[in-house]
Amino acid sequence: MEGYKLLVKYSCGVQSSMIYLKRKGFGQLFLLSQFSFMTFYFNFFLP
């Protein structure tokens, strides 16, 4: 359950960062790194 809370908090942070970075033009790059992090997270931290 802790992991789930962390994930929610994390994705909220991601949303705000994405908006900021999109304005700067880094949206695509950021999305890619987010995706790889999420893949890593789900593979290693969730049962």
PDB file of N, CA and C in Angstrom:
ATOM      1  N   MET A   1       0.829  -1.204   0.000  1.00  0.00           N
ATOM      2  CA  MET A   1       0.000   0.000   0.000  1.00  0.00           C
ATOM      3  C   MET A   1       0.864   1.255   0.000  1.00  0.00           C
ATOM      4  N   GLU A   2       1.981   1.187   0.718  1.00  0.00           N
ATOM      5  CA  GLU A   2       2.901   2.327   0.726  1.00  0.00           C
ATOM      6  C   GLU A   2       3.353   2.659  -0.684  1.00  0.00           C
ATOM      7  N   GLY A   3       3.693   1.612  -1.420  1.00  0.00           N
ATOM      8  CA  GLY A   3       4.170   1.791  -2.789  1.00  0.00           C
ATOM      9  C   GLY A   3       3.139   2.500  -3.647  1.00  0.00           C
ATOM     10  N   TYR A   4       1.872   2.173  -3.394  1.00  0.00           N
ATOM     11  CA  TYR A   4       0.798   2.781  -4.175  1.00  0.00           C
ATOM     12  C   TYR A   4       0.700   4.271  -3.886  1.00  0.00           C
ATOM     13  N   LYS A   5       0.759   4.622  -2.596  1.00  0.00           N
ATOM     14  CA  LYS A   5       0.704   6.032  -2.198  1.00  0.00           C
ATOM     15  C   LYS A   5       1.858   6.792  -2.825  1.00  0.00           C
ATOM     16  N   LEU A   6       3.014   6.171  -2.793  1.00  0.00           N
ATOM     17  CA  LEU A   6       4.214   6.783  -3.356  1.00  0.00           C
ATOM     18  C   LEU A   6       4.021   7.034  -4.845  1.00  0.00           C
ATOM     19  N   LEU A   7       3.441   6.055  -5.507  1.00  0.00           N
ATOM     20  CA  LEU A   7       3.221   6.147  -6.943  1.00  0.00           C
ATOM     21  C   LEU A   7       2.274   7.287  -7.279  1.00  0.00           C
ATOM     22  N   VAL A   8       1.212   7.428  -6.484  1.00  0.00           N
ATOM     23  CA  VAL A   8       0.246   8.506  -6.705  1.00  0.00           C
ATOM     24  C   VAL A   8       0.919   9.854  -6.514  1.00  0.00           C
ATOM     25  N   LYS A   9       1.677   9.974  -5.424  1.00  0.00           N
ATOM     26  CA  LYS A   9       2.384  11.217  -5.142  1.00  0.00           C
ATOM     27  C   LYS A   9       3.354  11.525  -6.274  1.00  0.00           C
ATOM     28  N   TYR A  10       4.032  10.489  -6.730  1.00  0.00           N
ATOM     29  CA  TYR A  10       5.008  10.629  -7.798  1.00  0.00           C
ATOM     30  C   TYR A  10       4.357  11.110  -9.086  1.00  0.00           C
ATOM     31  N   SER A  11       3.234  10.492  -9.450  1.00  0.00           N
ATOM     32  CA  SER A  11       2.602  10.874 -10.711  1.00  0.00           C
ATOM     33  C   SER A  11       1.995  12.266 -10.651  1.00  0.00           C
ATOM     34  N   CYS A  12       1.613  12.718  -9.464  1.00  0.00           N
ATOM     35  CA  CYS A  12       1.146  14.101  -9.325  1.00  0.00           C
ATOM     36  C   CYS A  12       2.302  15.043  -9.611  1.00  0.00           C
ATOM     37  N   GLY A  13       3.455  14.723  -9.079  1.00  0.00           N
ATOM     38  CA  GLY A  13       4.652  15.512  -9.330  1.00  0.00           C
ATOM     39  C   GLY A  13       5.008  15.503 -10.803  1.00  0.00           C
ATOM     40  N   VAL A  14       4.845  14.348 -11.423  1.00  0.00           N
ATOM     41  CA  VAL A  14       5.141  14.202 -12.844  1.00  0.00           C
ATOM     42  C   VAL A  14       4.258  15.124 -13.667  1.00  0.00           C
ATOM     43  N   GLN A  15       2.976  15.156 -13.340  1.00  0.00           N
ATOM     44  CA  GLN A  15       2.033  15.985 -14.088  1.00  0.00           C
ATOM     45  C   GLN A  15       2.469  17.440 -14.094  1.00  0.00           C
ATOM     46  N   SER A  16       2.798  17.979 -12.929  1.00  0.00           N
ATOM     47  CA  SER A  16       3.182  19.387 -12.862  1.00  0.00           C
ATOM     48  C   SER A  16       4.512  19.639 -13.557  1.00  0.00           C
ATOM     49  N   SER A  17       5.435  18.697 -13.434  1.00  0.00           N
ATOM     50  CA  SER A  17       6.724  18.836 -14.110  1.00  0.00           C
ATOM     51  C   SER A  17       6.541  18.817 -15.618  1.00  0.00           C
ATOM     52  N   MET A  18       5.628  17.955 -16.080  1.00  0.00           N
ATOM     53  CA  MET A  18       5.377  17.827 -17.511  1.00  0.00           C
ATOM     54  C   MET A  18       4.869  19.129 -18.093  1.00  0.00           C
ATOM     55  N   ILE A  19       3.927  19.755 -17.389  1.00  0.00           N
ATOM     56  CA  ILE A  19       3.359  21.014 -17.869  1.00  0.00           C
ATOM     57  C   ILE A  19       4.468  22.050 -18.006  1.00  0.00           C
ATOM     58  N   TYR A  20       5.313  22.125 -16.984  1.00  0.00           N
ATOM     59  CA  TYR A  20       6.418  23.084 -17.008  1.00  0.00           C
ATOM     60  C   TYR A  20       7.375  22.791 -18.155  1.00  0.00           C
ATOM     61  N   LEU A  21       7.759  21.528 -18.289  1.00  0.00           N
ATOM     62  CA  LEU A  21       8.729  21.157 -19.316  1.00  0.00           C
ATOM     63  C   LEU A  21       8.170  21.283 -20.725  1.00  0.00           C
ATOM     64  N   LYS A  22       6.866  21.042 -20.871  1.00  0.00           N
ATOM     65  CA  LYS A  22       6.255  21.174 -22.188  1.00  0.00           C
ATOM     66  C   LYS A  22       6.380  22.607 -22.663  1.00  0.00           C
ATOM     67  N   ARG A  23       6.200  23.545 -21.740  1.00  0.00           N
ATOM     68  CA  ARG A  23       6.328  24.956 -22.085  1.00  0.00           C
ATOM     69  C   ARG A  23       7.737  25.249 -22.560  1.00  0.00           C
ATOM     70  N   LYS A  24       8.681  24.570 -21.954  1.00  0.00           N
ATOM     71  CA  LYS A  24      10.084  24.781 -22.306  1.00  0.00           C
ATOM     72  C   LYS A  24      10.473  23.994 -23.552  1.00  0.00           C
ATOM     73  N   GLY A  25       9.623  23.048 -23.942  1.00  0.00           N
ATOM     74  CA  GLY A  25       9.892  22.267 -25.144  1.00  0.00           C
ATOM     75  C   GLY A  25      10.605  20.949 -24.882  1.00  0.00           C
ATOM     76  N   PHE A  26      10.612  20.530 -23.617  1.00  0.00           N
ATOM     77  CA  PHE A  26      11.290  19.272 -23.287  1.00  0.00           C
ATOM     78  C   PHE A  26      10.308  18.127 -23.053  1.00  0.00           C
ATOM     79  N   GLY A  27       9.038  18.376 -23.355  1.00  0.00           N
ATOM     80  CA  GLY A  27       7.989  17.398 -23.060  1.00  0.00           C
ATOM     81  C   GLY A  27       8.283  15.987 -23.529  1.00  0.00           C
ATOM     82  N   GLN A  28       8.702  15.872 -24.794  1.00  0.00           N
ATOM     83  CA  GLN A  28       8.931  14.555 -25.392  1.00  0.00           C
ATOM     84  C   GLN A  28      10.008  13.783 -24.637  1.00  0.00           C
ATOM     85  N   LEU A  29      11.114  14.460 -24.405  1.00  0.00           N
ATOM     86  CA  LEU A  29      12.251  13.862 -23.716  1.00  0.00           C
ATOM     87  C   LEU A  29      11.853  13.410 -22.318  1.00  0.00           C
ATOM     88  N   PHE A  30      11.126  14.282 -21.637  1.00  0.00           N
ATOM     89  CA  PHE A  30      10.722  14.003 -20.267  1.00  0.00           C
ATOM     90  C   PHE A  30       9.795  12.797 -20.211  1.00  0.00           C
ATOM     91  N   LEU A  31       8.867  12.751 -21.166  1.00  0.00           N
ATOM     92  CA  LEU A  31       7.907  11.657 -21.227  1.00  0.00           C
ATOM     93  C   LEU A  31       8.631  10.323 -21.351  1.00  0.00           C
ATOM     94  N   LEU A  32       9.661  10.315 -22.177  1.00  0.00           N
ATOM     95  CA  LEU A  32      10.437   9.109 -22.410  1.00  0.00           C
ATOM     96  C   LEU A  32      11.112   8.639 -21.126  1.00  0.00           C
ATOM     97  N   SER A  33      11.715   9.566 -20.390  1.00  0.00           N
ATOM     98  CA  SER A  33      12.400   9.192 -19.156  1.00  0.00           C
ATOM     99  C   SER A  33      11.396   8.742 -18.098  1.00  0.00           C
ATOM    100  N   GLN A  34      10.220   9.368 -18.098  1.00  0.00           N
ATOM    101  CA  GLN A  34       9.179   8.974 -17.155  1.00  0.00           C
ATOM    102  C   GLN A  34       8.756   7.547 -17.433  1.00  0.00           C
ATOM    103  N   PHE A  35       8.569   7.251 -18.705  1.00  0.00           N
ATOM    104  CA  PHE A  35       8.110   5.930 -19.097  1.00  0.00           C
ATOM    105  C   PHE A  35       9.106   4.865 -18.657  1.00  0.00           C
ATOM    106  N   SER A  36      10.384   5.119 -18.868  1.00  0.00           N
ATOM    107  CA  SER A  36      11.381   4.125 -18.481  1.00  0.00           C
ATOM    108  C   SER A  36      11.448   3.976 -16.966  1.00  0.00           C
ATOM    109  N   PHE A  37      11.226   5.077 -16.242  1.00  0.00           N
ATOM    110  CA  PHE A  37      11.223   4.987 -14.787  1.00  0.00           C
ATOM    111  C   PHE A  37      10.043   4.151 -14.307  1.00  0.00           C
ATOM    112  N   MET A  38       8.875   4.388 -14.909  1.00  0.00           N
ATOM    113  CA  MET A  38       7.683   3.655 -14.522  1.00  0.00           C
ATOM    114  C   MET A  38       7.866   2.163 -14.779  1.00  0.00           C
ATOM    115  N   THR A  39       8.433   1.835 -15.918  1.00  0.00           N
ATOM    116  CA  THR A  39       8.685   0.442 -16.253  1.00  0.00           C
ATOM    117  C   THR A  39       9.585  -0.182 -15.199  1.00  0.00           C
ATOM    118  N   PHE A  40      10.634   0.546 -14.848  1.00  0.00           N
ATOM    119  CA  PHE A  40      11.562   0.091 -13.817  1.00  0.00           C
ATOM    120  C   PHE A  40      10.826  -0.108 -12.500  1.00  0.00           C
ATOM    121  N   TYR A  41      10.020   0.873 -12.130  1.00  0.00           N
ATOM    122  CA  TYR A  41       9.283   0.828 -10.868  1.00  0.00           C
ATOM    123  C   TYR A  41       8.376  -0.394 -10.796  1.00  0.00           C
ATOM    124  N   PHE A  42       7.579  -0.591 -11.849  1.00  0.00           N
ATOM    125  CA  PHE A  42       6.633  -1.702 -11.832  1.00  0.00           C
ATOM    126  C   PHE A  42       7.331  -3.053 -11.839  1.00  0.00           C
ATOM    127  N   ASN A  43       8.461  -3.133 -12.515  1.00  0.00           N
ATOM    128  CA  ASN A  43       9.161  -4.411 -12.586  1.00  0.00           C
ATOM    129  C   ASN A  43       9.850  -4.778 -11.285  1.00  0.00           C
ATOM    130  N   PHE A  44      10.367  -3.785 -10.572  1.00  0.00           N
ATOM    131  CA  PHE A  44      11.203  -4.107  -9.417  1.00  0.00           C
ATOM    132  C   PHE A  44      10.562  -3.866  -8.057  1.00  0.00           C
ATOM    133  N   PHE A  45       9.631  -2.926  -7.973  1.00  0.00           N
ATOM    134  CA  PHE A  45       9.120  -2.564  -6.654  1.00  0.00           C
ATOM    135  C   PHE A  45       7.730  -3.095  -6.347  1.00  0.00           C
ATOM    136  N   LEU A  46       6.987  -3.470  -7.379  1.00  0.00           N
ATOM    137  CA  LEU A  46       5.652  -4.009  -7.124  1.00  0.00           C
ATOM    138  C   LEU A  46       5.685  -5.530  -7.241  1.00  0.00           C
ATOM    139  N   PRO A  47       5.004  -6.210  -6.342  1.00  0.00           N
ATOM    140  CA  PRO A  47       5.002  -7.677  -6.329  1.00  0.00           C
ATOM    141  C   PRO A  47       4.294  -8.260  -7.552  1.00  0.00           C
TER     142      PRO A  47
END
